[in-house]
Structures are given as structure tokens and as C-alpha cells.
Amino acid sequence: MSDADLLFMPATRAAALIRARKLSPVDYVDAVLSAIERAQPKLNCFRQVLSDAARRDARKAEEAVMRGDQLGPLHGVPVSVKDLIDVAGAHTRHGSAIFEDNVAKADDVLVQRLRAAGAIVIGKSTTPEFGVKGLTDGPSFGVTRNPWNLGRTPGGSSGGGAAAVAAGLGPIALGTDGAGSIRGPASCSGLVGLKATLGAVPADTTRDAFGNNVYAGPLTRTVTDAAIMHAVLTGPSGKDPWSQGGEDRRQLSPALTAEDLSAIRIGYVERTANPRVAADVRANTRQALDAWQAMGADIEEVTDRVDWIELEGRVLYQANFAVFCAQYLPKWQNQMDPVTLAFMERGGKFSLADFRNAQFARTGLFRAIQALLERFDFLAMPTNSRTALDVTHDAANDEVVVDGEKCGITRQGWTSYQYPFNLTGHPALAVPSGFGTDGLPTSVQIVGRWGAETDVLRLGGLLERARPWAQHRPKNF
């Protein structure tokens, strides 16, 4: 097969060829590392490429195949890991100059699980400072670019992993999602991205284990790859109280076992806190709904008035950075991202009453979504209000323009469909829905009941079957 076919092969297919001794893990990893060497100057999607360690692990993977060892579901498959997650012996810089010399002593639990499944870590992917924004750039590493258009962002904060997978630099990436940071990059980059139910995938390093809104999960080109990677990542950890008993807590619903969706009700949410949605995004979302409807699903527009707590979500988000990052200001302020500093300044102005009221509002939003999901099996909506923003966009100050209209900063005008489900904990899956008029990917988001990742992935898989996507590739990659 050609190098291009190899690089854009789904992880499941590559693992099957490796098990059948038709693909060498050494050759596969060499091909990916060579592609990274060619693409990195254009994309800047890796903070550190772990070539020597990856080749060493590829040799071990090949030896295991030849011995006839029992192999994991991702055996020999290259994976990139976001620069917020520890990989033993590699730098965890958190996208910041502050941690330039920080070398991890041990693998994060999720990296341990990926390795146990046979995956080979090829590098640390870029993230904005502390994952603070929906674009991937920063003073310490520069700008990460979108393979579909180098003038656009791949999204953030898991933008490096998204750009890598979209460009064929490994079929899977491990990202994190604190306010849409997996689903936004998936939307911008033409990928599948899953934010699981709170606790399904452990968050060992979160500072507030009980009030957590940060999740880890897959970025892939196919729903099946996302499902397998998610299955590898799930399970309890003693450091995360939400993960106790944290396997997927629901089997596939009987109504989803075939392609007849006559028993399924989908609620369509056209807008959340955003004032507008681009016409091309709306049209592609409607086509996704039409595909499900053609399978028998009952589609109904959600007209309920829901307070999507944009302000309260901002209070929780920005106050967190104000408190956490304050320790670094005396020494590092001049080397920090201006967006981080702007969010800190705004967060520092909120009162304790503002913060507690925002926490109360989070409970209210959870209950509102629970009420909707008593009427509907799923909620469906765009993932972003428009295609990827320009790489020069200032996430702290510039308004997002949608079809010629200014719509507020990113979380108000662009990513407003994403952060609510970080706060409520419901599973949310971003799946490609087509191309915008500018030639960039668009995406639809599927939200399911608590613990229903299997159902959400199944509905996404049915859409993928009806409207295939993975055959599309960015030009020149």
C-alpha cells in the first residue's frame, strides 16, 4: 500500500494487519515519524517528538507479534499525547514557559492504559498554556495550524493532537476537554472527538476532584477507533472519586441494535448561548438529522427555554485560572500567554458569592438537561457555530464573526454548544457533518444520557455509515 494509505488507515485496521503479521509495527512507526518530520515545520503540532522511544517500543511490539503473545486492541498503533498529560521521561510543559524543564517521572494512568493496550507513544502534542483557550498557540511554542487550511486554527486546547490525526501523523490522539477542548478541535479538523460521562475516564491530575469539569478522551478519524480507545481508557482510579465503579455504566440500548431508529427520539438544539449559527453549519446539521430520520428516528426541535449559564460557566472557568495561576505571576508574568493573563484578571474580579452562585447554576443546568433527556434519547446540535477561526484570532478580546455578524468572544459566539456538557457531565460526541462553504470541516454534536457513551457512539457510527467521512484528506498531507 502507499504511504498515504498507511498513514490515513484507521487504528483498528492497522492493529488487525499487525496481528495478522501483514504490517510491521517498526515500518508503521517509521512511516509516521517520517511524516511528522515532513509536516511539523508546517503544522507545529508536536511539542516533543519521541522518536527513539517510539522506535524502541515498535521493535518490542514486533517481537511480541512474532512470539505469538496475546496482543491488545491497539497493539503497534502510534498515539500522540497532549502536553498536559505525563509520559515518563518526556517533558510535560503544559503549553507554558513556566514548565519548560518539567520532565515526567511516570506515565499518567491513561498513558499506562494505552501502553497496556499496545499503543506506541510517538510524541507530546501542543496545547495552549494550561489548555486555557479554544485555539492552540502560545508564546513558548508558536502557532499550531490546521491541515485543511494553514491560515486557520485546528481548535483548542487539544489542537496539536487534532492537527496530527487530521494530517495522518498517527491515527489516534489523547486529548483533554475542560470546556470543549476535544470536541472543538474535532469540529475544526474533521475528526471524531468524545467527551465521556463524568467519571467514566479517570482524571487523576485534576486539582478539584469533586468539582471536576475536565475530561480526557480520544481524537480519531473514525467512530470505531474512538470507541475502542474510550474502552481502553475507562475504569476506576483511586485518585478520582467520580471514577469509582467507572466502567461504562450502560449497555447498548436495545433500540439501537439495528439500523431501524423508529424507537429513538432526538431533540434538535439549534442554538445554545450563541446568537447565531452559520448557514452552512445549520445546513450540514440538518443533513445529519435527515440521515437519522431516514432510519426512522423521530426528530423534534427543542423549544424549551434553557439557561445555558454562559456567564456562570465563565465565572467558574476564569476564577479557576485566577486562583491556580496567581503563584506564577511574580516570576513568569512576562512570559505567560496574554489570554491566560486576561482570563486571570477577569476571574479575579468575581466574588465568592459569584462563584457559589455559579456552582448552584451548574446544578440547575444539570437538572434542565436531565429533564430534556427524559423526553429525548439524545440531543443533537452543531459542535461549533462556524468553521475554524483564523490563527490570528485573539481568544480573549476578538469577537467571533458568523455570517458577517459579530457574536461575542469564543465561548459566546463559537464554542457555546460545548462547555455546558463539561458542567453537566453528560457524554458528548463530535462527528463530522460535512464541509462549510470555505472548504473547512463542520461537525454535529450528539449528547446522551448519563453513562450512555455506548449509545452515543452507536448513533455517531450510524451517521458515519450513512454519510462517510474518513475518506476525505487535507491536501498535501
Protein backbone atom coordinates (compact mmCIF):
# COMPACT_ATOMS: atom_id res chain seq x y z
CA MET A 1 0.00 0.00 0.00
CA SER A 2 1.04 3.62 -0.47
CA ASP A 3 2.44 5.67 2.40
CA ALA A 4 -0.66 7.87 2.24
CA ASP A 5 -2.99 4.88 2.59
CA LEU A 6 -0.91 3.62 5.50
CA LEU A 7 -0.90 6.99 7.27
CA PHE A 8 -4.65 7.52 6.92
CA MET A 9 -5.59 3.96 7.83
CA PRO A 10 -7.89 3.63 10.88
CA ALA A 11 -6.22 2.34 14.02
CA THR A 12 -8.49 -0.72 14.07
CA ARG A 13 -7.41 -1.72 10.56
CA ALA A 14 -3.72 -1.17 11.34
CA ALA A 15 -3.96 -3.25 14.51
CA ALA A 16 -5.67 -6.06 12.59
CA LEU A 17 -2.90 -6.09 9.96
CA ILE A 18 -0.28 -6.14 12.70
CA ARG A 19 -1.99 -9.10 14.41
CA ALA A 20 -2.08 -10.90 11.05
CA ARG A 21 1.65 -10.17 10.52
CA LYS A 22 0.83 -8.18 7.39
CA LEU A 23 2.09 -4.88 8.80
CA SER A 24 5.28 -4.39 10.76
CA PRO A 25 4.98 -2.07 13.78
CA VAL A 26 8.55 -0.95 13.05
CA ASP A 27 7.69 0.02 9.47
CA TYR A 28 4.46 1.66 10.60
CA VAL A 29 6.10 3.80 13.26
CA ASP A 30 8.95 4.71 10.89
CA ALA A 31 6.41 5.89 8.31
CA VAL A 32 4.59 8.03 10.88
CA LEU A 33 7.82 9.54 12.22
CA SER A 34 8.96 10.36 8.68
CA ALA A 35 5.61 12.03 8.01
CA ILE A 36 5.95 14.04 11.23
CA GLU A 37 9.39 15.22 10.14
CA ARG A 38 7.88 16.49 6.87
CA ALA A 39 4.74 18.04 8.35
CA GLN A 40 5.95 19.51 11.65
CA PRO A 41 7.51 22.66 10.09
CA LYS A 42 4.14 23.49 8.52
CA LEU A 43 1.78 22.43 11.32
CA ASN A 44 3.79 22.83 14.54
CA CYS A 45 1.55 20.24 16.18
CA PHE A 46 4.14 18.50 18.36
CA ARG A 47 5.91 19.97 21.35
CA GLN A 48 8.20 16.95 21.54
CA VAL A 49 8.63 14.01 19.17
CA LEU A 50 9.72 10.83 20.99
CA SER A 51 11.42 9.16 18.03
CA ASP A 52 13.91 6.98 19.88
CA ALA A 53 11.41 5.73 22.45
CA ALA A 54 8.78 5.09 19.76
CA ARG A 55 11.18 3.06 17.63
CA ARG A 56 12.28 1.09 20.69
CA ASP A 57 8.66 0.33 21.57
CA ALA A 58 7.88 -0.57 17.95
CA ARG A 59 10.67 -3.17 17.99
CA LYS A 60 9.27 -4.62 21.20
CA ALA A 61 5.78 -4.66 19.65
CA GLU A 62 7.09 -6.55 16.63
CA GLU A 63 8.88 -9.07 18.82
CA ALA A 64 5.63 -9.68 20.71
CA VAL A 65 3.83 -10.37 17.44
CA MET A 66 6.50 -12.80 16.30
CA ARG A 67 6.43 -14.64 19.65
CA GLY A 68 2.68 -15.08 19.37
CA ASP A 69 1.96 -13.11 22.54
CA GLN A 70 -1.58 -12.07 23.38
CA LEU A 71 -1.96 -8.61 21.85
CA GLY A 72 -4.03 -5.64 22.97
CA PRO A 73 -6.59 -3.88 20.77
CA LEU A 74 -4.15 -1.06 19.86
CA HIS A 75 -1.02 -3.18 19.52
CA GLY A 76 1.59 -1.32 17.44
CA VAL A 77 -0.64 1.72 16.87
CA PRO A 78 1.01 5.17 17.21
CA VAL A 79 -0.68 7.65 19.56
CA SER A 80 0.13 11.26 20.44
CA VAL A 81 -0.45 12.56 23.97
CA LYS A 82 -1.43 16.11 24.84
CA ASP A 83 1.19 18.19 26.62
CA LEU A 84 -0.98 18.34 29.76
CA ILE A 85 -0.61 14.59 30.38
CA ASP A 86 2.50 12.91 31.77
CA VAL A 87 4.59 10.49 29.72
CA ALA A 88 7.52 9.07 31.65
CA GLY A 89 10.83 10.61 30.61
CA ALA A 90 9.18 13.25 28.40
CA HIS A 91 8.53 16.89 29.14
CA THR A 92 5.11 17.94 30.38
CA ARG A 93 5.26 21.65 29.64
CA HIS A 94 1.54 22.43 29.92
CA GLY A 95 1.98 24.73 26.93
CA SER A 96 3.85 27.17 29.16
CA ALA A 97 7.36 28.54 29.59
CA ILE A 98 6.85 28.00 33.32
CA PHE A 99 7.26 24.24 32.90
CA GLU A 100 9.86 24.25 30.15
CA ASP A 101 12.16 21.93 32.11
CA ASN A 102 9.47 19.72 33.70
CA VAL A 103 10.20 16.06 32.92
CA ALA A 104 7.60 13.50 33.99
CA LYS A 105 8.82 10.75 36.30
CA ALA A 106 5.99 8.35 35.50
CA ASP A 107 3.20 7.74 33.00
CA ASP A 108 -0.24 9.13 33.72
CA VAL A 109 -2.78 6.37 34.37
CA LEU A 110 -4.29 6.91 30.91
CA VAL A 111 -0.91 6.56 29.22
CA GLN A 112 -0.40 3.39 31.24
CA ARG A 113 -3.68 2.04 29.89
CA LEU A 114 -2.83 2.96 26.30
CA ARG A 115 0.53 1.23 26.59
CA ALA A 116 -1.13 -1.84 28.14
CA ALA A 117 -3.39 -1.97 25.07
CA GLY A 118 -0.28 -1.96 22.87
CA ALA A 119 -0.26 1.66 21.70
CA ILE A 120 3.08 3.34 20.99
CA VAL A 121 3.52 6.93 22.18
CA ILE A 122 5.13 8.97 19.39
CA GLY A 123 5.11 12.44 20.90
CA LYS A 124 3.62 15.19 23.02
CA SER A 125 1.13 17.33 21.12
CA THR A 126 0.79 21.09 21.52
CA THR A 127 -1.72 22.83 23.77
CA PRO A 128 -2.19 26.49 24.70
CA GLU A 129 -0.96 27.47 28.14
CA PHE A 130 -2.74 25.23 30.68
CA GLY A 131 -5.34 24.45 27.98
CA VAL A 132 -6.88 27.86 28.57
CA LYS A 133 -8.41 28.64 25.15
CA GLY A 134 -10.07 27.31 22.02
CA LEU A 135 -7.09 27.95 19.73
CA THR A 136 -3.68 26.29 20.00
CA ASP A 137 -0.85 28.80 20.18
CA GLY A 138 1.37 30.35 22.82
CA PRO A 139 4.49 32.41 23.44
CA SER A 140 6.52 29.34 24.39
CA PHE A 141 5.96 27.31 21.19
CA GLY A 142 4.29 29.44 18.49
CA VAL A 143 1.19 28.67 16.42
CA THR A 144 -0.31 25.26 15.61
CA ARG A 145 -2.09 25.24 12.24
CA ASN A 146 -5.00 23.36 10.69
CA PRO A 147 -4.05 20.83 7.96
CA TRP A 148 -7.17 21.74 5.99
CA ASN A 149 -6.07 25.39 5.78
CA LEU A 150 -2.81 26.58 7.31
CA GLY A 151 -4.28 30.02 7.96
CA ARG A 152 -6.87 28.55 10.33
CA THR A 153 -6.67 27.07 13.81
CA PRO A 154 -7.19 23.35 14.45
CA GLY A 155 -9.11 24.44 17.54
CA GLY A 156 -8.03 24.16 21.15
CA SER A 157 -6.96 23.23 23.53
CA SER A 158 -6.26 19.74 22.11
CA GLY A 159 -5.35 21.33 18.79
CA GLY A 160 -1.97 19.67 18.39
CA GLY A 161 -3.42 16.18 18.63
CA ALA A 162 -6.25 17.09 16.28
CA ALA A 163 -3.90 18.54 13.68
CA ALA A 164 -1.70 15.45 13.90
CA VAL A 165 -4.54 12.97 13.37
CA ALA A 166 -6.09 15.07 10.58
CA ALA A 167 -2.72 15.15 8.79
CA GLY A 168 -2.11 11.40 9.10
CA LEU A 169 0.53 11.73 11.82
CA GLY A 170 -0.80 8.79 13.80
CA PRO A 171 -4.43 7.61 13.71
CA ILE A 172 -5.34 8.46 17.31
CA ALA A 173 -4.58 11.15 19.87
CA LEU A 174 -5.25 11.53 23.59
CA GLY A 175 -6.76 14.92 24.39
CA THR A 176 -8.41 16.66 27.31
CA ASP A 177 -11.64 18.64 27.43
CA GLY A 178 -12.28 21.32 30.07
CA ALA A 179 -14.74 23.46 28.08
CA GLY A 180 -14.90 21.68 24.73
CA SER A 181 -11.19 21.09 24.18
CA ILE A 182 -11.63 17.71 22.47
CA ARG A 183 -14.88 18.40 20.62
CA GLY A 184 -13.85 21.84 19.33
CA PRO A 185 -10.66 20.57 17.69
CA ALA A 186 -12.57 17.59 16.31
CA SER A 187 -15.03 20.02 14.73
CA CYS A 188 -12.30 22.24 13.28
CA SER A 189 -10.20 19.36 11.99
CA GLY A 190 -12.74 16.89 10.59
CA LEU A 191 -12.42 14.30 13.34
CA VAL A 192 -14.39 12.30 15.87
CA GLY A 193 -13.96 13.52 19.46
CA LEU A 194 -15.53 12.10 22.61
CA LYS A 195 -16.07 13.72 25.99
CA ALA A 196 -17.29 10.89 28.17
CA THR A 197 -19.60 10.91 31.18
CA LEU A 198 -18.06 12.42 34.29
CA GLY A 199 -16.06 9.63 35.96
CA ALA A 200 -16.03 7.13 33.09
CA VAL A 201 -12.42 8.06 32.31
CA PRO A 202 -10.44 8.93 35.45
CA ALA A 203 -8.93 12.38 35.91
CA ASP A 204 -6.03 11.66 38.24
CA THR A 205 -4.37 15.06 37.99
CA THR A 206 -7.35 17.39 38.37
CA ARG A 207 -6.96 19.87 41.24
CA ASP A 208 -10.63 19.70 42.27
CA ALA A 209 -11.63 16.06 42.08
CA PHE A 210 -15.13 16.67 43.42
CA GLY A 211 -15.95 19.76 41.35
CA ASN A 212 -14.23 18.44 38.23
CA ASN A 213 -15.21 19.62 34.75
CA VAL A 214 -12.10 18.36 32.86
CA TYR A 215 -12.20 15.09 30.90
CA ALA A 216 -9.73 13.07 28.82
CA GLY A 217 -10.64 11.21 25.68
CA PRO A 218 -9.96 10.27 22.07
CA LEU A 219 -9.47 12.22 18.86
CA THR A 220 -9.75 9.87 15.86
CA ARG A 221 -10.84 9.70 12.24
CA THR A 222 -13.49 7.03 12.80
CA VAL A 223 -16.14 6.32 15.41
CA THR A 224 -14.89 2.76 15.88
CA ASP A 225 -11.39 4.00 16.71
CA ALA A 226 -12.89 6.41 19.25
CA ALA A 227 -14.98 3.63 20.79
CA ILE A 228 -12.02 1.26 21.16
CA MET A 229 -9.76 3.96 22.57
CA HIS A 230 -12.50 5.01 25.01
CA ALA A 231 -12.90 1.40 26.16
CA VAL A 232 -9.16 1.25 26.85
CA LEU A 233 -9.27 4.44 28.93
CA THR A 234 -12.27 3.67 31.12
CA GLY A 235 -12.19 2.21 34.61
CA PRO A 236 -11.77 3.38 38.19
CA SER A 237 -8.79 5.10 39.72
CA GLY A 238 -8.19 5.62 43.41
CA LYS A 239 -7.37 9.28 42.77
CA ASP A 240 -10.72 10.17 41.16
CA PRO A 241 -13.85 9.80 43.33
CA TRP A 242 -16.16 10.07 40.32
CA SER A 243 -14.46 7.10 38.67
CA GLN A 244 -15.25 4.59 41.38
CA GLY A 245 -17.10 1.85 39.55
CA GLY A 246 -16.38 3.95 36.46
CA GLU A 247 -16.73 1.45 33.66
CA ASP A 248 -19.30 2.41 31.02
CA ARG A 249 -22.44 2.15 33.09
CA ARG A 250 -24.88 1.31 30.30
CA GLN A 251 -25.01 -1.43 27.74
CA LEU A 252 -26.16 -0.60 24.23
CA SER A 253 -29.84 0.27 24.28
CA PRO A 254 -31.94 -2.39 22.50
CA ALA A 255 -33.49 0.30 20.28
CA LEU A 256 -30.04 0.91 18.75
CA THR A 257 -29.04 -2.66 17.97
CA ALA A 258 -30.03 -2.39 14.29
CA GLU A 259 -30.31 0.47 11.80
CA ASP A 260 -34.03 0.97 12.43
CA LEU A 261 -34.25 4.01 14.72
CA SER A 262 -38.04 4.07 14.91
CA ALA A 263 -37.93 3.91 18.70
CA ILE A 264 -35.42 6.76 19.01
CA ARG A 265 -36.29 10.39 19.78
CA ILE A 266 -33.72 13.07 19.01
CA GLY A 267 -34.09 16.64 20.26
CA TYR A 268 -32.52 19.21 17.94
CA VAL A 269 -30.97 22.24 19.66
CA GLU A 270 -30.21 24.88 17.04
CA ARG A 271 -28.62 27.43 19.38
CA THR A 272 -27.48 27.48 22.98
CA ALA A 273 -25.90 30.72 24.29
CA ASN A 274 -24.79 31.78 20.80
CA PRO A 275 -26.83 34.43 18.95
CA ARG A 276 -26.21 32.91 15.50
CA VAL A 277 -25.23 29.70 13.73
CA ALA A 278 -23.66 29.82 10.28
CA ALA A 279 -25.94 28.84 7.41
CA ASP A 280 -23.55 26.13 6.17
CA VAL A 281 -23.22 24.63 9.64
CA ARG A 282 -27.00 24.64 10.06
CA ALA A 283 -27.47 23.01 6.65
CA ASN A 284 -24.97 20.25 7.39
CA THR A 285 -26.51 19.64 10.81
CA ARG A 286 -29.92 19.32 9.16
CA GLN A 287 -28.49 16.74 6.76
CA ALA A 288 -27.25 14.70 9.71
CA LEU A 289 -30.71 14.90 11.27
CA ASP A 290 -32.24 13.88 7.94
CA ALA A 291 -29.96 10.83 7.82
CA TRP A 292 -31.16 9.68 11.25
CA GLN A 293 -34.75 10.47 10.31
CA ALA A 294 -34.38 8.31 7.20
CA MET A 295 -33.51 5.46 9.57
CA GLY A 296 -36.78 6.05 11.41
CA ALA A 297 -35.76 8.43 14.22
CA ASP A 298 -38.27 10.98 15.46
CA ILE A 299 -36.65 14.44 15.21
CA GLU A 300 -38.10 17.32 17.20
CA GLU A 301 -36.71 20.81 17.66
CA VAL A 302 -36.15 21.70 21.32
CA THR A 303 -38.03 24.91 22.05
CA ASP A 304 -37.66 24.87 25.84
CA ARG A 305 -36.04 27.93 27.36
CA VAL A 306 -32.78 26.66 28.85
CA ASP A 307 -30.37 28.90 30.71
CA TRP A 308 -27.06 27.68 29.30
CA ILE A 309 -25.25 29.62 32.09
CA GLU A 310 -22.65 31.23 29.84
CA LEU A 311 -21.81 33.85 32.47
CA GLU A 312 -21.78 31.39 35.36
CA GLY A 313 -19.66 28.97 33.34
CA ARG A 314 -17.23 31.80 32.69
CA VAL A 315 -17.13 32.59 36.42
CA LEU A 316 -16.15 29.01 37.24
CA TYR A 317 -13.63 28.82 34.40
CA GLN A 318 -11.88 32.15 34.80
CA ALA A 319 -11.89 32.18 38.61
CA ASN A 320 -10.14 28.81 38.49
CA PHE A 321 -7.28 30.26 36.45
CA ALA A 322 -7.12 33.37 38.64
CA VAL A 323 -6.53 31.24 41.73
CA PHE A 324 -4.38 28.50 40.22
CA CYS A 325 -2.03 30.75 38.21
CA ALA A 326 -1.57 33.51 40.80
CA GLN A 327 1.51 31.72 42.19
CA TYR A 328 3.32 32.16 38.87
CA LEU A 329 2.76 35.87 38.29
CA PRO A 330 5.71 37.31 40.25
CA LYS A 331 8.31 35.39 38.22
CA TRP A 332 6.60 34.44 34.97
CA GLN A 333 4.06 37.12 34.07
CA ASN A 334 6.09 38.48 31.15
CA GLN A 335 6.37 35.01 29.60
CA MET A 336 2.74 33.94 30.02
CA ASP A 337 0.08 33.94 27.31
CA PRO A 338 -1.80 37.28 27.28
CA VAL A 339 -5.05 35.29 27.07
CA THR A 340 -4.19 33.48 30.30
CA LEU A 341 -3.47 36.83 31.96
CA ALA A 342 -6.71 38.35 30.65
CA PHE A 343 -8.77 35.43 31.94
CA MET A 344 -6.99 35.64 35.29
CA GLU A 345 -7.73 39.35 35.56
CA ARG A 346 -11.40 38.81 34.82
CA GLY A 347 -11.61 35.81 37.11
CA GLY A 348 -10.04 37.73 39.97
CA LYS A 349 -12.90 40.23 39.92
CA PHE A 350 -15.58 37.68 40.73
CA SER A 351 -16.70 37.44 44.34
CA LEU A 352 -17.15 34.35 46.49
CA ALA A 353 -20.91 34.87 46.09
CA ASP A 354 -20.47 34.91 42.31
CA PHE A 355 -18.55 31.64 42.48
CA ARG A 356 -21.03 29.87 44.74
CA ASN A 357 -23.99 31.07 42.67
CA ALA A 358 -22.23 29.72 39.58
CA GLN A 359 -21.90 26.34 41.30
CA PHE A 360 -25.61 26.42 42.10
CA ALA A 361 -26.32 27.27 38.46
CA ARG A 362 -24.31 24.23 37.38
CA THR A 363 -26.73 22.05 39.33
CA GLY A 364 -29.66 23.82 37.71
CA LEU A 365 -28.26 23.23 34.23
CA PHE A 366 -27.70 19.55 35.01
CA ARG A 367 -31.32 19.18 36.04
CA ALA A 368 -32.54 21.01 32.94
CA ILE A 369 -30.60 18.64 30.67
CA GLN A 370 -31.81 15.66 32.68
CA ALA A 371 -35.38 16.82 32.07
CA LEU A 372 -34.78 17.06 28.32
CA LEU A 373 -33.25 13.59 28.27
CA GLU A 374 -36.35 12.17 29.92
CA ARG A 375 -38.25 13.24 26.76
CA PHE A 376 -35.47 12.54 24.23
CA ASP A 377 -32.98 9.73 23.87
CA PHE A 378 -30.39 12.15 22.51
CA LEU A 379 -29.81 15.85 21.94
CA ALA A 380 -28.18 16.88 18.66
CA MET A 381 -26.73 20.25 17.73
CA PRO A 382 -23.77 21.78 15.90
CA THR A 383 -20.42 21.38 17.65
CA ASN A 384 -19.24 24.88 16.68
CA SER A 385 -21.31 27.73 15.34
CA ARG A 386 -18.98 28.13 12.34
CA THR A 387 -15.84 26.64 10.82
CA ALA A 388 -12.33 27.15 12.20
CA LEU A 389 -11.22 30.65 13.13
CA ASP A 390 -8.16 32.39 11.73
CA VAL A 391 -4.94 31.56 13.61
CA THR A 392 -4.55 35.27 14.45
CA HIS A 393 -7.84 35.39 16.41
CA ASP A 394 -7.43 36.82 19.93
CA ALA A 395 -9.48 34.47 22.13
CA ALA A 396 -9.65 36.99 24.97
CA ASN A 397 -10.87 40.02 23.05
CA ASP A 398 -11.81 39.42 19.41
CA GLU A 399 -15.45 38.77 18.64
CA VAL A 400 -16.34 35.74 16.55
CA VAL A 401 -17.93 36.67 13.23
CA VAL A 402 -20.67 34.36 11.97
CA ASP A 403 -22.07 35.09 8.50
CA GLY A 404 -20.90 38.68 8.78
CA GLU A 405 -22.29 39.31 12.28
CA LYS A 406 -20.21 39.78 15.44
CA CYS A 407 -21.36 37.27 18.06
CA GLY A 408 -19.17 37.80 21.14
CA ILE A 409 -15.94 36.11 22.19
CA THR A 410 -15.31 32.43 21.52
CA ARG A 411 -17.35 30.82 24.31
CA GLN A 412 -20.30 33.11 23.49
CA GLY A 413 -20.19 33.07 19.71
CA TRP A 414 -18.37 29.92 18.65
CA THR A 415 -17.97 27.10 21.20
CA SER A 416 -21.13 27.70 23.24
CA TYR A 417 -22.51 24.24 22.36
CA GLN A 418 -19.63 22.52 24.15
CA TYR A 419 -18.96 23.86 27.67
CA PRO A 420 -22.47 23.14 29.09
CA PHE A 421 -21.78 19.40 28.99
CA ASN A 422 -18.48 19.78 30.79
CA LEU A 423 -20.58 21.22 33.58
CA THR A 424 -23.44 18.70 33.49
CA GLY A 425 -21.24 15.63 32.96
CA HIS A 426 -23.30 14.12 30.13
CA PRO A 427 -21.42 12.32 27.33
CA ALA A 428 -20.97 14.35 24.15
CA LEU A 429 -19.57 13.19 20.81
CA ALA A 430 -18.43 15.40 17.91
CA VAL A 431 -18.81 13.78 14.49
CA PRO A 432 -18.02 15.35 11.09
CA SER A 433 -21.12 16.64 9.29
CA GLY A 434 -19.65 17.94 6.02
CA PHE A 435 -17.75 20.93 4.69
CA GLY A 436 -18.52 24.62 5.02
CA THR A 437 -18.59 26.99 2.09
CA ASP A 438 -14.95 27.84 2.87
CA GLY A 439 -13.91 24.20 2.40
CA LEU A 440 -13.30 23.53 6.09
CA PRO A 441 -14.97 20.78 8.13
CA THR A 442 -18.19 21.19 10.09
CA SER A 443 -19.46 18.96 12.87
CA VAL A 444 -22.54 17.75 14.70
CA GLN A 445 -22.55 17.05 18.45
CA ILE A 446 -24.51 14.16 19.96
CA VAL A 447 -25.34 14.38 23.67
CA GLY A 448 -26.63 11.34 25.53
CA ARG A 449 -27.89 10.26 28.91
CA TRP A 450 -25.51 9.94 31.82
CA GLY A 451 -23.30 6.88 31.28
CA ALA A 452 -24.61 6.25 27.76
CA GLU A 453 -21.34 6.54 25.82
CA THR A 454 -22.10 3.29 24.03
CA ASP A 455 -25.39 4.67 22.73
CA VAL A 456 -23.82 7.99 21.73
CA LEU A 457 -21.06 6.22 19.83
CA ARG A 458 -23.59 3.93 18.13
CA LEU A 459 -25.67 6.88 16.91
CA GLY A 460 -22.48 8.52 15.65
CA GLY A 461 -21.49 5.29 13.93
CA LEU A 462 -24.82 5.11 12.13
CA LEU A 463 -24.32 8.65 10.87
CA GLU A 464 -20.80 7.79 9.75
CA ARG A 465 -22.18 4.81 7.82
CA ALA A 466 -24.86 6.92 6.14
CA ARG A 467 -22.58 9.88 5.46
CA PRO A 468 -18.99 8.54 5.26
CA TRP A 469 -16.22 10.98 6.08
CA ALA A 470 -12.88 9.31 6.78
CA GLN A 471 -12.01 9.06 3.09
CA HIS A 472 -11.52 12.84 2.95
CA ARG A 473 -7.96 14.05 3.47
CA PRO A 474 -6.39 17.51 3.62
CA LYS A 475 -4.44 18.40 0.50
CA ASN A 476 -0.66 17.98 0.72
CA PHE A 477 -0.85 15.62 3.72
